[in-house]
Amino acid sequence: MQKQSFNRSFVISKETIDLLNEVPIFDKLGYNEIKILSRFMKPERYKAGEVLFHEGDKGDYVFFVVDGKLDVLKTSKTSDDVVIATIGKGRSIGEMTIVDDYPRSATVRTHTNVSLIILTRDNFEHILKEYPQIGIKVLKGLTRQVSLNLRKTSSRLAEYMFPLN
């Protein structure tokens, strides 16, 4: 998928707005704030087996899963890509790419047909300028999500480590 900049003319359904209201990153936003935020997002659909992005790609957008499932894959030294997670409805992938310039840390491929909502870095920056209270709430939600992901990863890593003694 190549870099895309979306304008604010896309119409998101009430059902999708309701779904965004259930996404943990947006849990501190009110319904009207979600409606404003949704104007900066674009819906997309992909078929099962499509790669949305590869590990190492430049990233500047985050996906929110409306329907279907995505596989998160990491390159392994001993084999081909390994599925490290499968995410579904209400989850997000690529959160940090709207705030940093680092490459994608994993490959994401559709496990099933999926419906997604995309928020680009450019549009997120517009939100921060035009609606700073909404932008701050989204940033706090992103921080909570990244912190939770890091805690889970640390716990999983600890299960595989040998004691240093």
C-alpha atoms as a PDB file:
ATOM      1  CA  MET A   1       0.000   0.000   0.000  1.00  0.00           C
ATOM      2  CA  GLN A   2       1.466   3.361  -0.910  1.00  0.00           C
ATOM      3  CA  LYS A   3       1.334   6.540   1.129  1.00  0.00           C
ATOM      4  CA  GLN A   4      -2.081   8.106   1.009  1.00  0.00           C
ATOM      5  CA  SER A   5      -3.350  11.420   2.258  1.00  0.00           C
ATOM      6  CA  PHE A   6      -7.073  11.466   2.851  1.00  0.00           C
ATOM      7  CA  ASN A   7      -9.282  14.489   2.949  1.00  0.00           C
ATOM      8  CA  ARG A   8     -12.242  14.969   5.257  1.00  0.00           C
ATOM      9  CA  SER A   9     -14.991  14.300   2.726  1.00  0.00           C
ATOM     10  CA  PHE A  10     -15.491  10.628   3.543  1.00  0.00           C
ATOM     11  CA  VAL A  11     -18.737   9.538   5.142  1.00  0.00           C
ATOM     12  CA  ILE A  12     -18.492   6.984   7.918  1.00  0.00           C
ATOM     13  CA  SER A  13     -21.693   5.144   8.863  1.00  0.00           C
ATOM     14  CA  LYS A  14     -23.350   5.406  12.282  1.00  0.00           C
ATOM     15  CA  GLU A  15     -22.465   1.730  12.827  1.00  0.00           C
ATOM     16  CA  THR A  16     -18.793   2.522  12.239  1.00  0.00           C
ATOM     17  CA  ILE A  17     -18.946   5.535  14.546  1.00  0.00           C
ATOM     18  CA  ASP A  18     -20.476   3.254  17.176  1.00  0.00           C
ATOM     19  CA  LEU A  19     -17.589   0.804  16.651  1.00  0.00           C
ATOM     20  CA  LEU A  20     -14.998   3.577  17.009  1.00  0.00           C
ATOM     21  CA  ASN A  21     -16.718   4.477  20.264  1.00  0.00           C
ATOM     22  CA  GLU A  22     -15.775   0.965  21.493  1.00  0.00           C
ATOM     23  CA  VAL A  23     -12.090   1.162  20.447  1.00  0.00           C
ATOM     24  CA  PRO A  24     -10.006   1.482  23.642  1.00  0.00           C
ATOM     25  CA  ILE A  25      -7.895   4.300  22.182  1.00  0.00           C
ATOM     26  CA  PHE A  26     -11.051   6.430  21.879  1.00  0.00           C
ATOM     27  CA  ASP A  27     -12.692   5.454  25.177  1.00  0.00           C
ATOM     28  CA  LYS A  28     -12.345   8.962  26.638  1.00  0.00           C
ATOM     29  CA  LEU A  29     -14.026  10.650  23.656  1.00  0.00           C
ATOM     30  CA  GLY A  30     -17.708  11.496  23.616  1.00  0.00           C
ATOM     31  CA  TYR A  31     -19.992  10.522  20.763  1.00  0.00           C
ATOM     32  CA  ASN A  32     -19.794  13.968  19.123  1.00  0.00           C
ATOM     33  CA  GLU A  33     -15.990  13.916  19.366  1.00  0.00           C
ATOM     34  CA  ILE A  34     -15.975  10.500  17.669  1.00  0.00           C
ATOM     35  CA  LYS A  35     -18.162  11.951  14.894  1.00  0.00           C
ATOM     36  CA  ILE A  36     -15.666  14.776  14.372  1.00  0.00           C
ATOM     37  CA  LEU A  37     -12.743  12.343  14.430  1.00  0.00           C
ATOM     38  CA  SER A  38     -14.445  10.062  11.900  1.00  0.00           C
ATOM     39  CA  ARG A  39     -14.487  12.890   9.329  1.00  0.00           C
ATOM     40  CA  PHE A  40     -10.706  12.559   9.164  1.00  0.00           C
ATOM     41  CA  MET A  41     -10.803   8.805   8.519  1.00  0.00           C
ATOM     42  CA  LYS A  42     -11.276   6.659   5.439  1.00  0.00           C
ATOM     43  CA  PRO A  43     -12.965   3.251   5.182  1.00  0.00           C
ATOM     44  CA  GLU A  44     -11.204   0.505   3.185  1.00  0.00           C
ATOM     45  CA  ARG A  45     -11.896  -3.159   2.376  1.00  0.00           C
ATOM     46  CA  TYR A  46      -9.377  -5.912   1.635  1.00  0.00           C
ATOM     47  CA  LYS A  47      -9.679  -9.570   0.658  1.00  0.00           C
ATOM     48  CA  ALA A  48      -8.221 -12.455   2.661  1.00  0.00           C
ATOM     49  CA  GLY A  49      -4.507 -12.974   2.062  1.00  0.00           C
ATOM     50  CA  GLU A  50      -3.623  -9.382   1.105  1.00  0.00           C
ATOM     51  CA  VAL A  51      -0.548  -7.802   2.682  1.00  0.00           C
ATOM     52  CA  LEU A  52      -1.357  -4.350   4.058  1.00  0.00           C
ATOM     53  CA  PHE A  53       2.279  -3.513   4.778  1.00  0.00           C
ATOM     54  CA  HIS A  54       5.635  -5.233   5.266  1.00  0.00           C
ATOM     55  CA  GLU A  55       8.038  -5.145   8.168  1.00  0.00           C
ATOM     56  CA  GLY A  56      10.466  -2.297   7.467  1.00  0.00           C
ATOM     57  CA  ASP A  57       8.036  -0.258   5.325  1.00  0.00           C
ATOM     58  CA  LYS A  58       7.625   3.421   6.054  1.00  0.00           C
ATOM     59  CA  GLY A  59       4.394   3.922   7.930  1.00  0.00           C
ATOM     60  CA  ASP A  60       2.180   6.952   8.286  1.00  0.00           C
ATOM     61  CA  TYR A  61      -1.275   5.573   9.019  1.00  0.00           C
ATOM     62  CA  VAL A  62      -3.058   3.442  11.598  1.00  0.00           C
ATOM     63  CA  PHE A  63      -5.770   0.854  10.855  1.00  0.00           C
ATOM     64  CA  PHE A  64      -8.858   0.196  12.978  1.00  0.00           C
ATOM     65  CA  VAL A  65     -10.569  -3.150  12.333  1.00  0.00           C
ATOM     66  CA  VAL A  66     -14.297  -2.792  11.675  1.00  0.00           C
ATOM     67  CA  ASP A  67     -14.828  -6.400  10.629  1.00  0.00           C
ATOM     68  CA  GLY A  68     -12.610  -9.427   9.946  1.00  0.00           C
ATOM     69  CA  LYS A  69      -9.170 -10.436  11.197  1.00  0.00           C
ATOM     70  CA  LEU A  70      -5.557  -9.435  10.534  1.00  0.00           C
ATOM     71  CA  ASP A  71      -2.404 -11.499  11.112  1.00  0.00           C
ATOM     72  CA  VAL A  72       0.685  -9.776  12.488  1.00  0.00           C
ATOM     73  CA  LEU A  73       3.873 -11.459  11.263  1.00  0.00           C
ATOM     74  CA  LYS A  74       7.537 -11.124  12.194  1.00  0.00           C
ATOM     75  CA  THR A  75      10.491 -12.289  10.155  1.00  0.00           C
ATOM     76  CA  SER A  76      12.237 -15.213  11.848  1.00  0.00           C
ATOM     77  CA  LYS A  77      15.915 -16.121  11.501  1.00  0.00           C
ATOM     78  CA  THR A  78      15.060 -19.824  11.343  1.00  0.00           C
ATOM     79  CA  SER A  79      12.003 -19.816   9.082  1.00  0.00           C
ATOM     80  CA  ASP A  80       9.665 -17.678   7.033  1.00  0.00           C
ATOM     81  CA  ASP A  81       7.383 -15.118   8.635  1.00  0.00           C
ATOM     82  CA  VAL A  82       5.793 -16.238  11.895  1.00  0.00           C
ATOM     83  CA  VAL A  83       2.306 -15.148  12.987  1.00  0.00           C
ATOM     84  CA  ILE A  84       2.759 -13.492  16.373  1.00  0.00           C
ATOM     85  CA  ALA A  85      -0.811 -12.229  16.762  1.00  0.00           C
ATOM     86  CA  THR A  86      -4.210 -12.204  15.106  1.00  0.00           C
ATOM     87  CA  ILE A  87      -6.328  -9.154  15.762  1.00  0.00           C
ATOM     88  CA  GLY A  88     -10.002  -8.575  15.112  1.00  0.00           C
ATOM     89  CA  LYS A  89     -12.923  -6.195  15.391  1.00  0.00           C
ATOM     90  CA  GLY A  90     -12.339  -3.101  17.484  1.00  0.00           C
ATOM     91  CA  ARG A  91      -8.547  -3.457  17.556  1.00  0.00           C
ATOM     92  CA  SER A  92      -5.953  -1.242  15.920  1.00  0.00           C
ATOM     93  CA  ILE A  93      -2.600  -1.800  14.260  1.00  0.00           C
ATOM     94  CA  GLY A  94       0.186   0.663  13.495  1.00  0.00           C
ATOM     95  CA  GLU A  95      -0.670   3.152  16.224  1.00  0.00           C
ATOM     96  CA  MET A  96       2.793   4.624  16.600  1.00  0.00           C
ATOM     97  CA  THR A  97       3.236   5.429  12.911  1.00  0.00           C
ATOM     98  CA  ILE A  98       1.031   8.487  13.249  1.00  0.00           C
ATOM     99  CA  VAL A  99       3.436   9.953  15.819  1.00  0.00           C
ATOM    100  CA  ASP A 100       6.891   8.685  14.820  1.00  0.00           C
ATOM    101  CA  ASP A 101       8.944   8.173  11.661  1.00  0.00           C
ATOM    102  CA  TYR A 102      10.221   4.672  12.378  1.00  0.00           C
ATOM    103  CA  PRO A 103       9.590   1.830   9.924  1.00  0.00           C
ATOM    104  CA  ARG A 104       6.873  -0.750  10.478  1.00  0.00           C
ATOM    105  CA  SER A 105       7.935  -3.322  13.079  1.00  0.00           C
ATOM    106  CA  ALA A 106       5.952  -6.205  11.568  1.00  0.00           C
ATOM    107  CA  THR A 107       4.134  -7.355   8.452  1.00  0.00           C
ATOM    108  CA  VAL A 108       0.333  -7.294   8.502  1.00  0.00           C
ATOM    109  CA  ARG A 109      -1.700  -9.588   6.257  1.00  0.00           C
ATOM    110  CA  THR A 110      -5.456 -10.062   6.132  1.00  0.00           C
ATOM    111  CA  HIS A 111      -6.524 -13.368   7.691  1.00  0.00           C
ATOM    112  CA  THR A 112     -10.088 -12.961   6.414  1.00  0.00           C
ATOM    113  CA  ASN A 113     -11.836 -10.368   4.294  1.00  0.00           C
ATOM    114  CA  VAL A 114     -11.626  -7.177   6.341  1.00  0.00           C
ATOM    115  CA  SER A 115     -13.215  -3.771   6.630  1.00  0.00           C
ATOM    116  CA  LEU A 116     -10.876  -1.163   8.074  1.00  0.00           C
ATOM    117  CA  ILE A 117     -10.854   2.506   8.939  1.00  0.00           C
ATOM    118  CA  ILE A 118      -7.633   4.391   8.252  1.00  0.00           C
ATOM    119  CA  LEU A 119      -6.285   7.469  10.006  1.00  0.00           C
ATOM    120  CA  THR A 120      -3.220   9.028   8.389  1.00  0.00           C
ATOM    121  CA  ARG A 121      -0.522  11.004  10.166  1.00  0.00           C
ATOM    122  CA  ASP A 122      -1.414  14.093   8.082  1.00  0.00           C
ATOM    123  CA  ASN A 123      -5.058  13.899   9.100  1.00  0.00           C
ATOM    124  CA  PHE A 124      -4.117  13.274  12.734  1.00  0.00           C
ATOM    125  CA  GLU A 125      -1.984  16.424  12.624  1.00  0.00           C
ATOM    126  CA  HIS A 126      -5.026  18.324  11.282  1.00  0.00           C
ATOM    127  CA  ILE A 127      -7.033  17.020  14.254  1.00  0.00           C
ATOM    128  CA  LEU A 128      -4.333  18.225  16.644  1.00  0.00           C
ATOM    129  CA  LYS A 129      -4.445  21.711  15.074  1.00  0.00           C
ATOM    130  CA  GLU A 130      -8.199  22.083  14.577  1.00  0.00           C
ATOM    131  CA  TYR A 131      -9.474  20.069  17.566  1.00  0.00           C
ATOM    132  CA  PRO A 132      -6.644  19.990  20.145  1.00  0.00           C
ATOM    133  CA  GLN A 133      -8.822  18.550  22.952  1.00  0.00           C
ATOM    134  CA  ILE A 134      -9.749  15.591  20.747  1.00  0.00           C
ATOM    135  CA  GLY A 135      -6.131  15.185  19.627  1.00  0.00           C
ATOM    136  CA  ILE A 136      -4.880  15.148  23.217  1.00  0.00           C
ATOM    137  CA  LYS A 137      -7.444  12.497  24.183  1.00  0.00           C
ATOM    138  CA  VAL A 138      -6.395  10.371  21.191  1.00  0.00           C
ATOM    139  CA  LEU A 139      -2.711  10.783  22.129  1.00  0.00           C
ATOM    140  CA  LYS A 140      -3.463   9.672  25.686  1.00  0.00           C
ATOM    141  CA  GLY A 141      -5.363   6.672  24.314  1.00  0.00           C
ATOM    142  CA  LEU A 142      -2.449   5.806  22.025  1.00  0.00           C
ATOM    143  CA  THR A 143      -0.065   6.049  24.969  1.00  0.00           C
ATOM    144  CA  ARG A 144      -2.240   3.717  27.074  1.00  0.00           C
ATOM    145  CA  GLN A 145      -2.449   1.212  24.201  1.00  0.00           C
ATOM    146  CA  VAL A 146       1.299   1.242  23.533  1.00  0.00           C
ATOM    147  CA  SER A 147       2.011   0.913  27.262  1.00  0.00           C
ATOM    148  CA  LEU A 148      -0.349  -2.067  27.516  1.00  0.00           C
ATOM    149  CA  ASN A 149       1.238  -3.710  24.464  1.00  0.00           C
ATOM    150  CA  LEU A 150       4.715  -3.206  25.959  1.00  0.00           C
ATOM    151  CA  ARG A 151       3.654  -4.719  29.277  1.00  0.00           C
ATOM    152  CA  LYS A 152       2.175  -7.759  27.523  1.00  0.00           C
ATOM    153  CA  THR A 153       5.309  -8.190  25.407  1.00  0.00           C
ATOM    154  CA  SER A 154       7.559  -7.900  28.463  1.00  0.00           C
ATOM    155  CA  SER A 155       5.536 -10.540  30.303  1.00  0.00           C
ATOM    156  CA  ARG A 156       5.633 -12.908  27.332  1.00  0.00           C
ATOM    157  CA  LEU A 157       9.377 -12.380  26.919  1.00  0.00           C
ATOM    158  CA  ALA A 158       9.992 -13.078  30.604  1.00  0.00           C
ATOM    159  CA  GLU A 159       8.314 -16.482  30.194  1.00  0.00           C
ATOM    160  CA  TYR A 160      11.011 -17.496  27.682  1.00  0.00           C
ATOM    161  CA  MET A 161      14.047 -16.117  29.475  1.00  0.00           C
ATOM    162  CA  PHE A 162      16.425 -18.024  31.697  1.00  0.00           C
ATOM    163  CA  PRO A 163      17.360 -16.488  35.060  1.00  0.00           C
ATOM    164  CA  LEU A 164      20.607 -14.501  34.921  1.00  0.00           C
ATOM    165  CA  ASN A 165      22.004 -16.087  38.128  1.00  0.00           C
END
